C-alpha atoms as a PDB file:
ATOM      1  CA  MET A   1      15.229 -18.485  33.468  1.00  0.00           C
ATOM      2  CA  ARG A   2      16.174 -17.200  30.018  1.00  0.00           C
ATOM      3  CA  SER A   3      15.849 -19.556  27.100  1.00  0.00           C
ATOM      4  CA  THR A   4      18.909 -20.337  25.003  1.00  0.00           C
ATOM      5  CA  PRO A   5      18.665 -18.985  21.420  1.00  0.00           C
ATOM      6  CA  ARG A   6      18.058 -21.877  19.082  1.00  0.00           C
ATOM      7  CA  GLU A   7      20.691 -22.901  16.584  1.00  0.00           C
ATOM      8  CA  LYS A   8      18.821 -23.871  13.461  1.00  0.00           C
ATOM      9  CA  GLY A   9      18.831 -23.566   9.745  1.00  0.00           C
ATOM     10  CA  SER A  10      21.328 -22.066   7.375  1.00  0.00           C
ATOM     11  CA  SER A  11      22.248 -18.389   7.067  1.00  0.00           C
ATOM     12  CA  ILE A  12      20.014 -18.206   3.998  1.00  0.00           C
ATOM     13  CA  THR A  13      17.045 -19.451   6.024  1.00  0.00           C
ATOM     14  CA  ARG A  14      17.752 -16.880   8.727  1.00  0.00           C
ATOM     15  CA  VAL A  15      18.029 -14.088   6.170  1.00  0.00           C
ATOM     16  CA  LEU A  16      14.636 -15.019   4.738  1.00  0.00           C
ATOM     17  CA  GLU A  17      13.113 -15.232   8.229  1.00  0.00           C
ATOM     18  CA  ILE A  18      14.494 -11.764   9.060  1.00  0.00           C
ATOM     19  CA  ILE A  19      13.064 -10.276   5.864  1.00  0.00           C
ATOM     20  CA  GLU A  20       9.724 -11.974   6.514  1.00  0.00           C
ATOM     21  CA  ALA A  21       9.574 -10.711  10.109  1.00  0.00           C
ATOM     22  CA  VAL A  22      10.473  -7.113   9.208  1.00  0.00           C
ATOM     23  CA  ALA A  23       7.942  -7.056   6.380  1.00  0.00           C
ATOM     24  CA  ALA A  24       5.173  -8.436   8.613  1.00  0.00           C
ATOM     25  CA  ALA A  25       5.879  -6.317  11.721  1.00  0.00           C
ATOM     26  CA  LYS A  26       3.263  -3.692  12.585  1.00  0.00           C
ATOM     27  CA  GLU A  27       5.974  -1.581  14.249  1.00  0.00           C
ATOM     28  CA  PRO A  28       9.683  -1.356  13.293  1.00  0.00           C
ATOM     29  CA  LEU A  29      11.727  -3.957  15.183  1.00  0.00           C
ATOM     30  CA  SER A  30      15.157  -3.415  16.679  1.00  0.00           C
ATOM     31  CA  PRO A  31      17.819  -6.022  15.815  1.00  0.00           C
ATOM     32  CA  THR A  32      17.686  -7.248  19.431  1.00  0.00           C
ATOM     33  CA  ALA A  33      13.887  -7.626  19.369  1.00  0.00           C
ATOM     34  CA  LEU A  34      14.191  -9.366  16.011  1.00  0.00           C
ATOM     35  CA  ALA A  35      16.698 -11.864  17.428  1.00  0.00           C
ATOM     36  CA  GLU A  36      14.410 -12.599  20.376  1.00  0.00           C
ATOM     37  CA  ARG A  37      11.349 -13.016  18.167  1.00  0.00           C
ATOM     38  CA  LEU A  38      13.157 -15.424  15.814  1.00  0.00           C
ATOM     39  CA  GLU A  39      15.067 -17.137  18.633  1.00  0.00           C
ATOM     40  CA  ILE A  40      18.440 -16.736  16.986  1.00  0.00           C
ATOM     41  CA  PRO A  41      21.705 -15.536  18.564  1.00  0.00           C
ATOM     42  CA  LYS A  42      21.882 -11.749  18.844  1.00  0.00           C
ATOM     43  CA  ALA A  43      25.335 -11.647  17.278  1.00  0.00           C
ATOM     44  CA  SER A  44      24.054 -13.542  14.243  1.00  0.00           C
ATOM     45  CA  ALA A  45      21.013 -11.294  13.949  1.00  0.00           C
ATOM     46  CA  HIS A  46      23.099  -8.110  14.096  1.00  0.00           C
ATOM     47  CA  ARG A  47      25.570  -9.449  11.533  1.00  0.00           C
ATOM     48  CA  LEU A  48      22.835 -10.467   9.074  1.00  0.00           C
ATOM     49  CA  VAL A  49      20.933  -7.207   9.572  1.00  0.00           C
ATOM     50  CA  GLN A  50      24.092  -5.219   8.804  1.00  0.00           C
ATOM     51  CA  THR A  51      24.583  -7.176   5.583  1.00  0.00           C
ATOM     52  CA  LEU A  52      20.923  -6.723   4.552  1.00  0.00           C
ATOM     53  CA  GLU A  53      21.137  -3.001   5.265  1.00  0.00           C
ATOM     54  CA  LYS A  54      24.364  -2.661   3.279  1.00  0.00           C
ATOM     55  CA  GLU A  55      22.769  -4.436   0.301  1.00  0.00           C
ATOM     56  CA  GLY A  56      19.644  -2.253   0.443  1.00  0.00           C
ATOM     57  CA  PHE A  57      17.122  -4.904   1.528  1.00  0.00           C
ATOM     58  CA  LEU A  58      16.579  -3.336   4.964  1.00  0.00           C
ATOM     59  CA  GLN A  59      16.926   0.163   6.355  1.00  0.00           C
ATOM     60  CA  PHE A  60      16.781   1.777   9.786  1.00  0.00           C
ATOM     61  CA  GLY A  61      13.920   4.178  10.522  1.00  0.00           C
ATOM     62  CA  LEU A  62      14.171   7.462  12.400  1.00  0.00           C
ATOM     63  CA  ARG A  63      13.630   5.694  15.730  1.00  0.00           C
ATOM     64  CA  GLY A  64      16.201   2.987  15.046  1.00  0.00           C
ATOM     65  CA  GLY A  65      13.774   0.254  14.054  1.00  0.00           C
ATOM     66  CA  LEU A  66      14.145  -1.899  10.956  1.00  0.00           C
ATOM     67  CA  LEU A  67      12.114  -1.200   7.827  1.00  0.00           C
ATOM     68  CA  PRO A  68      12.004  -2.762   4.347  1.00  0.00           C
ATOM     69  CA  GLY A  69      14.644  -1.192   2.111  1.00  0.00           C
ATOM     70  CA  GLU A  70      14.406  -0.085  -1.503  1.00  0.00           C
ATOM     71  CA  ARG A  71      15.513  -3.418  -2.968  1.00  0.00           C
ATOM     72  CA  LEU A  72      12.926  -5.266  -0.905  1.00  0.00           C
ATOM     73  CA  HIS A  73      10.217  -2.850  -2.076  1.00  0.00           C
ATOM     74  CA  VAL A  74      11.223  -3.435  -5.690  1.00  0.00           C
ATOM     75  CA  ALA A  75      11.252  -7.207  -5.212  1.00  0.00           C
ATOM     76  CA  ALA A  76       7.796  -7.165  -3.610  1.00  0.00           C
ATOM     77  CA  LEU A  77       6.430  -5.040  -6.442  1.00  0.00           C
ATOM     78  CA  ASN A  78       7.894  -7.359  -9.065  1.00  0.00           C
ATOM     79  CA  ILE A  79       6.323 -10.354  -7.320  1.00  0.00           C
ATOM     80  CA  LEU A  80       2.940  -8.638  -7.361  1.00  0.00           C
ATOM     81  CA  ARG A  81       3.295  -7.743 -11.031  1.00  0.00           C
ATOM     82  CA  SER A  82       4.412 -11.185 -12.154  1.00  0.00           C
ATOM     83  CA  SER A  83       2.357 -13.399  -9.864  1.00  0.00           C
ATOM     84  CA  ARG A  84       0.507 -16.366 -11.287  1.00  0.00           C
ATOM     85  CA  HIS A  85      -2.734 -14.514 -10.540  1.00  0.00           C
ATOM     86  CA  LYS A  86      -1.862 -11.495 -12.676  1.00  0.00           C
ATOM     87  CA  ALA A  87      -4.230 -12.521 -15.492  1.00  0.00           C
ATOM     88  CA  LEU A  88      -7.169 -12.944 -13.102  1.00  0.00           C
ATOM     89  CA  ARG A  89      -6.347  -9.670 -11.353  1.00  0.00           C
ATOM     90  CA  GLN A  90      -6.246  -7.890 -14.717  1.00  0.00           C
ATOM     91  CA  ALA A  91      -9.540  -9.512 -15.728  1.00  0.00           C
ATOM     92  CA  ILE A  92     -11.233  -8.152 -12.600  1.00  0.00           C
ATOM     93  CA  LEU A  93      -9.829  -4.665 -13.239  1.00  0.00           C
ATOM     94  CA  ARG A  94     -10.842  -4.752 -16.910  1.00  0.00           C
ATOM     95  CA  GLN A  95     -14.384  -5.837 -16.104  1.00  0.00           C
ATOM     96  CA  LEU A  96     -14.637  -3.050 -13.520  1.00  0.00           C
ATOM     97  CA  SER A  97     -13.215  -0.440 -15.900  1.00  0.00           C
ATOM     98  CA  GLU A  98     -15.684  -1.438 -18.605  1.00  0.00           C
ATOM     99  CA  ALA A  99     -18.600  -1.256 -16.162  1.00  0.00           C
ATOM    100  CA  ILE A 100     -17.588   2.185 -14.865  1.00  0.00           C
ATOM    101  CA  GLY A 101     -16.295   3.492 -18.181  1.00  0.00           C
ATOM    102  CA  GLU A 102     -13.216   4.957 -16.508  1.00  0.00           C
ATOM    103  CA  THR A 103      -9.649   3.952 -15.626  1.00  0.00           C
ATOM    104  CA  CYS A 104      -9.304   1.596 -12.649  1.00  0.00           C
ATOM    105  CA  GLY A 105      -6.238   0.307 -10.879  1.00  0.00           C
ATOM    106  CA  LEU A 106      -4.446  -0.726  -7.715  1.00  0.00           C
ATOM    107  CA  ALA A 107      -2.084   1.375  -5.622  1.00  0.00           C
ATOM    108  CA  ILE A 108       0.133   0.388  -2.704  1.00  0.00           C
ATOM    109  CA  PRO A 109       1.975   2.552  -0.156  1.00  0.00           C
ATOM    110  CA  ASP A 110       5.655   3.222  -0.822  1.00  0.00           C
ATOM    111  CA  GLY A 111       7.196   5.417   1.854  1.00  0.00           C
ATOM    112  CA  LEU A 112       5.485   8.807   1.776  1.00  0.00           C
ATOM    113  CA  ASP A 113       3.966   8.080  -1.656  1.00  0.00           C
ATOM    114  CA  MET A 114       1.453   5.753  -3.226  1.00  0.00           C
ATOM    115  CA  LEU A 115       2.704   3.569  -6.063  1.00  0.00           C
ATOM    116  CA  TYR A 116       0.542   2.479  -9.011  1.00  0.00           C
ATOM    117  CA  PHE A 117       1.343  -1.201  -9.560  1.00  0.00           C
ATOM    118  CA  ASP A 118      -1.572  -2.277 -11.768  1.00  0.00           C
ATOM    119  CA  ARG A 119      -4.216  -0.517 -13.868  1.00  0.00           C
ATOM    120  CA  VAL A 120      -6.578  -0.807 -16.814  1.00  0.00           C
ATOM    121  CA  GLN A 121      -6.903   2.317 -18.922  1.00  0.00           C
ATOM    122  CA  THR A 122     -10.208   3.517 -20.345  1.00  0.00           C
ATOM    123  CA  ASN A 123     -10.526   3.752 -24.124  1.00  0.00           C
ATOM    124  CA  TRP A 124     -11.860   7.306 -24.156  1.00  0.00           C
ATOM    125  CA  PRO A 125      -9.779   9.763 -26.266  1.00  0.00           C
ATOM    126  CA  LEU A 126      -9.646  12.110 -23.258  1.00  0.00           C
ATOM    127  CA  GLN A 127      -7.872  10.370 -20.383  1.00  0.00           C
ATOM    128  CA  ILE A 128      -5.488  11.089 -17.533  1.00  0.00           C
ATOM    129  CA  ASN A 129      -2.198   9.280 -18.009  1.00  0.00           C
ATOM    130  CA  LEU A 130      -0.808   7.956 -14.720  1.00  0.00           C
ATOM    131  CA  PRO A 131       1.023   4.778 -15.816  1.00  0.00           C
ATOM    132  CA  ILE A 132       2.108   1.789 -13.748  1.00  0.00           C
ATOM    133  CA  GLY A 133       5.069   2.817 -11.598  1.00  0.00           C
ATOM    134  CA  SER A 134       3.764   6.353 -11.010  1.00  0.00           C
ATOM    135  CA  HIS A 135       4.292   7.779  -7.517  1.00  0.00           C
ATOM    136  CA  THR A 136       1.511   9.993  -6.159  1.00  0.00           C
ATOM    137  CA  PRO A 137       1.222  11.990  -2.898  1.00  0.00           C
ATOM    138  CA  LEU A 138      -0.507  10.626   0.197  1.00  0.00           C
ATOM    139  CA  TRP A 139      -2.331  13.731   1.365  1.00  0.00           C
ATOM    140  CA  CYS A 140      -4.247  14.653  -1.792  1.00  0.00           C
ATOM    141  CA  THR A 141      -5.113  11.386  -3.548  1.00  0.00           C
ATOM    142  CA  ALA A 142      -7.987   8.993  -2.911  1.00  0.00           C
ATOM    143  CA  SER A 143      -5.674   6.012  -2.391  1.00  0.00           C
ATOM    144  CA  GLY A 144      -3.212   8.002  -0.306  1.00  0.00           C
ATOM    145  CA  LYS A 145      -5.884   9.259   2.080  1.00  0.00           C
ATOM    146  CA  LEU A 146      -7.344   5.757   2.347  1.00  0.00           C
ATOM    147  CA  TYR A 147      -3.915   4.456   3.344  1.00  0.00           C
ATOM    148  CA  LEU A 148      -3.375   7.260   5.890  1.00  0.00           C
ATOM    149  CA  ALA A 149      -6.802   6.557   7.397  1.00  0.00           C
ATOM    150  CA  SER A 150      -5.823   2.888   7.836  1.00  0.00           C
ATOM    151  CA  LEU A 151      -2.915   3.767  10.143  1.00  0.00           C
ATOM    152  CA  SER A 152      -3.196   3.592  13.904  1.00  0.00           C
ATOM    153  CA  PRO A 153      -3.509   6.999  15.642  1.00  0.00           C
ATOM    154  CA  GLU A 154       0.095   6.711  16.815  1.00  0.00           C
ATOM    155  CA  GLN A 155       1.402   5.871  13.342  1.00  0.00           C
ATOM    156  CA  LEU A 156      -0.677   8.617  11.753  1.00  0.00           C
ATOM    157  CA  GLU A 157       0.659  11.275  14.099  1.00  0.00           C
ATOM    158  CA  ARG A 158       4.210  10.243  13.216  1.00  0.00           C
ATOM    159  CA  VAL A 159       3.508  10.480   9.481  1.00  0.00           C
ATOM    160  CA  LEU A 160       1.346  13.619   9.217  1.00  0.00           C
ATOM    161  CA  PRO A 161       4.006  16.128  10.391  1.00  0.00           C
ATOM    162  CA  ARG A 162       6.370  14.775   7.705  1.00  0.00           C
ATOM    163  CA  LEU A 163       3.973  15.386   4.823  1.00  0.00           C
ATOM    164  CA  PRO A 164       4.812  18.546   2.844  1.00  0.00           C
ATOM    165  CA  LEU A 165       1.101  19.361   2.250  1.00  0.00           C
ATOM    166  CA  GLN A 166       1.936  21.277  -0.920  1.00  0.00           C
ATOM    167  CA  ARG A 167      -0.935  22.668  -2.959  1.00  0.00           C
ATOM    168  CA  MET A 168      -1.193  20.391  -5.985  1.00  0.00           C
ATOM    169  CA  ALA A 169      -4.584  21.550  -7.330  1.00  0.00           C
ATOM    170  CA  ARG A 170      -7.421  23.942  -6.564  1.00  0.00           C
ATOM    171  CA  ASN A 171      -8.916  21.847  -3.741  1.00  0.00           C
ATOM    172  CA  THR A 172      -5.774  20.446  -2.092  1.00  0.00           C
ATOM    173  CA  LEU A 173      -6.078  20.337   1.693  1.00  0.00           C
ATOM    174  CA  THR A 174      -2.997  22.155   2.977  1.00  0.00           C
ATOM    175  CA  ASP A 175      -4.262  22.663   6.542  1.00  0.00           C
ATOM    176  CA  LEU A 176      -3.348  19.794   8.863  1.00  0.00           C
ATOM    177  CA  SER A 177      -6.531  20.134  10.910  1.00  0.00           C
ATOM    178  CA  ALA A 178      -8.710  19.979   7.780  1.00  0.00           C
ATOM    179  CA  LEU A 179      -6.797  16.914   6.573  1.00  0.00           C
ATOM    180  CA  ARG A 180      -7.286  15.180   9.930  1.00  0.00           C
ATOM    181  CA  ASP A 181     -11.039  15.826   9.716  1.00  0.00           C
ATOM    182  CA  ASP A 182     -11.152  14.431   6.186  1.00  0.00           C
ATOM    183  CA  LEU A 183      -9.173  11.342   7.212  1.00  0.00           C
ATOM    184  CA  ALA A 184     -11.670  10.722  10.037  1.00  0.00           C
ATOM    185  CA  ARG A 185     -14.430  10.711   7.422  1.00  0.00           C
ATOM    186  CA  VAL A 186     -12.411   8.378   5.163  1.00  0.00           C
ATOM    187  CA  ARG A 187     -11.825   6.002   8.084  1.00  0.00           C
ATOM    188  CA  GLU A 188     -15.528   5.921   8.946  1.00  0.00           C
ATOM    189  CA  GLU A 189     -16.718   5.428   5.363  1.00  0.00           C
ATOM    190  CA  GLN A 190     -13.777   3.258   4.234  1.00  0.00           C
ATOM    191  CA  LEU A 191     -13.774   5.379   1.104  1.00  0.00           C
ATOM    192  CA  GLY A 192     -10.997   7.648  -0.120  1.00  0.00           C
ATOM    193  CA  THR A 193     -11.961  10.575  -2.370  1.00  0.00           C
ATOM    194  CA  ASP A 194     -10.100  13.180  -4.402  1.00  0.00           C
ATOM    195  CA  CYS A 195     -12.190  16.019  -5.795  1.00  0.00           C
ATOM    196  CA  GLU A 196      -9.631  17.992  -7.816  1.00  0.00           C
ATOM    197  CA  GLU A 197      -7.131  17.791  -4.951  1.00  0.00           C
ATOM    198  CA  PHE A 198      -4.275  16.151  -6.848  1.00  0.00           C
ATOM    199  CA  ILE A 199      -4.879  17.318 -10.420  1.00  0.00           C
ATOM    200  CA  ASP A 200      -7.198  20.117 -11.536  1.00  0.00           C
ATOM    201  CA  GLY A 201     -10.011  18.620 -13.555  1.00  0.00           C
ATOM    202  CA  MET A 202      -9.695  15.089 -12.095  1.00  0.00           C
ATOM    203  CA  VAL A 203     -11.849  13.239  -9.562  1.00  0.00           C
ATOM    204  CA  ALA A 204     -11.077   9.880  -7.982  1.00  0.00           C
ATOM    205  CA  CYS A 205     -12.272   7.450  -5.344  1.00  0.00           C
ATOM    206  CA  ALA A 206     -10.688   4.376  -3.737  1.00  0.00           C
ATOM    207  CA  VAL A 207     -11.772   1.432  -1.579  1.00  0.00           C
ATOM    208  CA  PRO A 208      -9.602  -0.955   0.457  1.00  0.00           C
ATOM    209  CA  VAL A 209      -8.403  -4.396  -0.585  1.00  0.00           C
ATOM    210  CA  ARG A 210      -7.547  -6.282   2.601  1.00  0.00           C
ATOM    211  CA  ASP A 211      -5.555  -9.366   3.493  1.00  0.00           C
ATOM    212  CA  ALA A 212      -6.811 -12.327   5.529  1.00  0.00           C
ATOM    213  CA  ASP A 213      -6.074 -10.450   8.774  1.00  0.00           C
ATOM    214  CA  GLY A 214      -8.102  -7.415   7.727  1.00  0.00           C
ATOM    215  CA  GLU A 215      -5.040  -5.251   7.101  1.00  0.00           C
ATOM    216  CA  LEU A 216      -4.910  -2.907   4.108  1.00  0.00           C
ATOM    217  CA  LEU A 217      -3.147  -4.690   1.267  1.00  0.00           C
ATOM    218  CA  ALA A 218      -3.845  -2.295  -1.611  1.00  0.00           C
ATOM    219  CA  CYS A 219      -6.203   0.475  -2.673  1.00  0.00           C
ATOM    220  CA  LEU A 220      -8.579  -0.136  -5.589  1.00  0.00           C
ATOM    221  CA  PHE A 221      -9.175   3.192  -7.329  1.00  0.00           C
ATOM    222  CA  SER A 222     -10.934   4.785 -10.258  1.00  0.00           C
ATOM    223  CA  HIS A 223     -10.281   8.269 -11.620  1.00  0.00           C
ATOM    224  CA  ALA A 224     -11.853  10.371 -14.351  1.00  0.00           C
ATOM    225  CA  PRO A 225     -11.776  13.862 -15.875  1.00  0.00           C
ATOM    226  CA  VAL A 226     -14.578  16.025 -14.474  1.00  0.00           C
ATOM    227  CA  ILE A 227     -15.534  17.122 -17.979  1.00  0.00           C
ATOM    228  CA  ARG A 228     -16.856  13.572 -18.474  1.00  0.00           C
ATOM    229  CA  CYS A 229     -17.639  12.356 -14.939  1.00  0.00           C
ATOM    230  CA  SER A 230     -18.453  14.394 -11.840  1.00  0.00           C
ATOM    231  CA  MET A 231     -17.535  13.352  -8.303  1.00  0.00           C
ATOM    232  CA  ALA A 232     -21.172  12.494  -7.612  1.00  0.00           C
ATOM    233  CA  GLN A 233     -21.350  10.341 -10.736  1.00  0.00           C
ATOM    234  CA  LEU A 234     -18.139   8.516  -9.880  1.00  0.00           C
ATOM    235  CA  LEU A 235     -19.371   7.779  -6.356  1.00  0.00           C
ATOM    236  CA  GLU A 236     -22.389   5.981  -7.816  1.00  0.00           C
ATOM    237  CA  PHE A 237     -19.958   3.227  -8.822  1.00  0.00           C
ATOM    238  CA  VAL A 238     -18.602   2.667  -5.295  1.00  0.00           C
ATOM    239  CA  PRO A 239     -20.688  -0.531  -4.832  1.00  0.00           C
ATOM    240  CA  ARG A 240     -19.065  -1.933  -7.987  1.00  0.00           C
ATOM    241  CA  LEU A 241     -15.637  -0.995  -6.640  1.00  0.00           C
ATOM    242  CA  ARG A 242     -16.341  -2.748  -3.345  1.00  0.00           C
ATOM    243  CA  ALA A 243     -17.566  -5.877  -5.154  1.00  0.00           C
ATOM    244  CA  ALA A 244     -14.379  -5.921  -7.249  1.00  0.00           C
ATOM    245  CA  ALA A 245     -12.306  -5.437  -4.080  1.00  0.00           C
ATOM    246  CA  ASP A 246     -14.005  -8.526  -2.604  1.00  0.00           C
ATOM    247  CA  GLU A 247     -13.062 -10.497  -5.728  1.00  0.00           C
ATOM    248  CA  LEU A 248      -9.458  -9.311  -5.502  1.00  0.00           C
ATOM    249  CA  GLU A 249      -9.316 -10.262  -1.822  1.00  0.00           C
ATOM    250  CA  ALA A 250     -10.498 -13.766  -2.728  1.00  0.00           C
ATOM    251  CA  VAL A 251      -7.822 -14.045  -5.419  1.00  0.00           C
ATOM    252  CA  LEU A 252      -5.041 -12.801  -3.150  1.00  0.00           C
ATOM    253  CA  GLY A 253      -6.348 -14.904  -0.268  1.00  0.00           C
ATOM    254  CA  SER A 254      -6.251 -18.073  -2.354  1.00  0.00           C
ATOM    255  CA  ALA A 255      -2.673 -17.247  -3.398  1.00  0.00           C
ATOM    256  CA  ALA A 256      -1.633 -16.868   0.238  1.00  0.00           C
ATOM    257  CA  ALA A 257      -3.337 -20.146   1.166  1.00  0.00           C
ATOM    258  CA  LEU A 258      -1.507 -21.996  -1.601  1.00  0.00           C
ATOM    259  CA  ASP A 259       1.819 -20.496  -0.490  1.00  0.00           C
ATOM    260  CA  GLU A 260       1.210 -21.665   3.104  1.00  0.00           C
ATOM    261  CA  GLN A 261       0.530 -25.216   1.915  1.00  0.00           C
ATOM    262  CA  ARG A 262       3.865 -25.417   0.082  1.00  0.00           C
END
């Protein structure tokens, strides 16, 4: 016997529940599946989804499932930037940057790019300027490869054919088979690397920052010009990166716990 969809809450509450469900879903949900999951009338779900799509908060993927839209991405990024834990997050990044002597920051996935949403710049006269808000490719950056390696095999095989695999620098992997092999190594080591693959003369590495469920939340990276720091030298700081990632996970975990209590 089918259960009757519950009638509860205001339209505003339902809108927020829809946004929350779409953002948390591991696979894009159809409006019908969304209605069933939230136990709300299908007609109401379809109407609210149409409004959210029109306003840019949601969008439909290639297979018809719902995905976060541009306005939702922007809102999430602004929340991350302005959270009450921003000062502590910056303190962790600054301490790490001073210990390594190179620029450190956090990147999050944004479609087929990675987005720099926080960073601490080194004080060296020679530095690589990739400011907050920069979009970088997935296939040739340390953070991008770390994100790709975090995807399920099914998700990865849907994404890889859509990557342009353009040659960005002297060591860019433009062969899909070679990239798959490198991603297998990244997945095993939980360490993304970029040895002059994105920018000639730059090396980078990245480690995961995970949420309470073990899912990738952000990528903690460091990059440097090879004239000052080789790939081998940068990799010597990976233990420091992992320790800082643990600190960031604790900070973000405590924020989530406080939000759940409210």
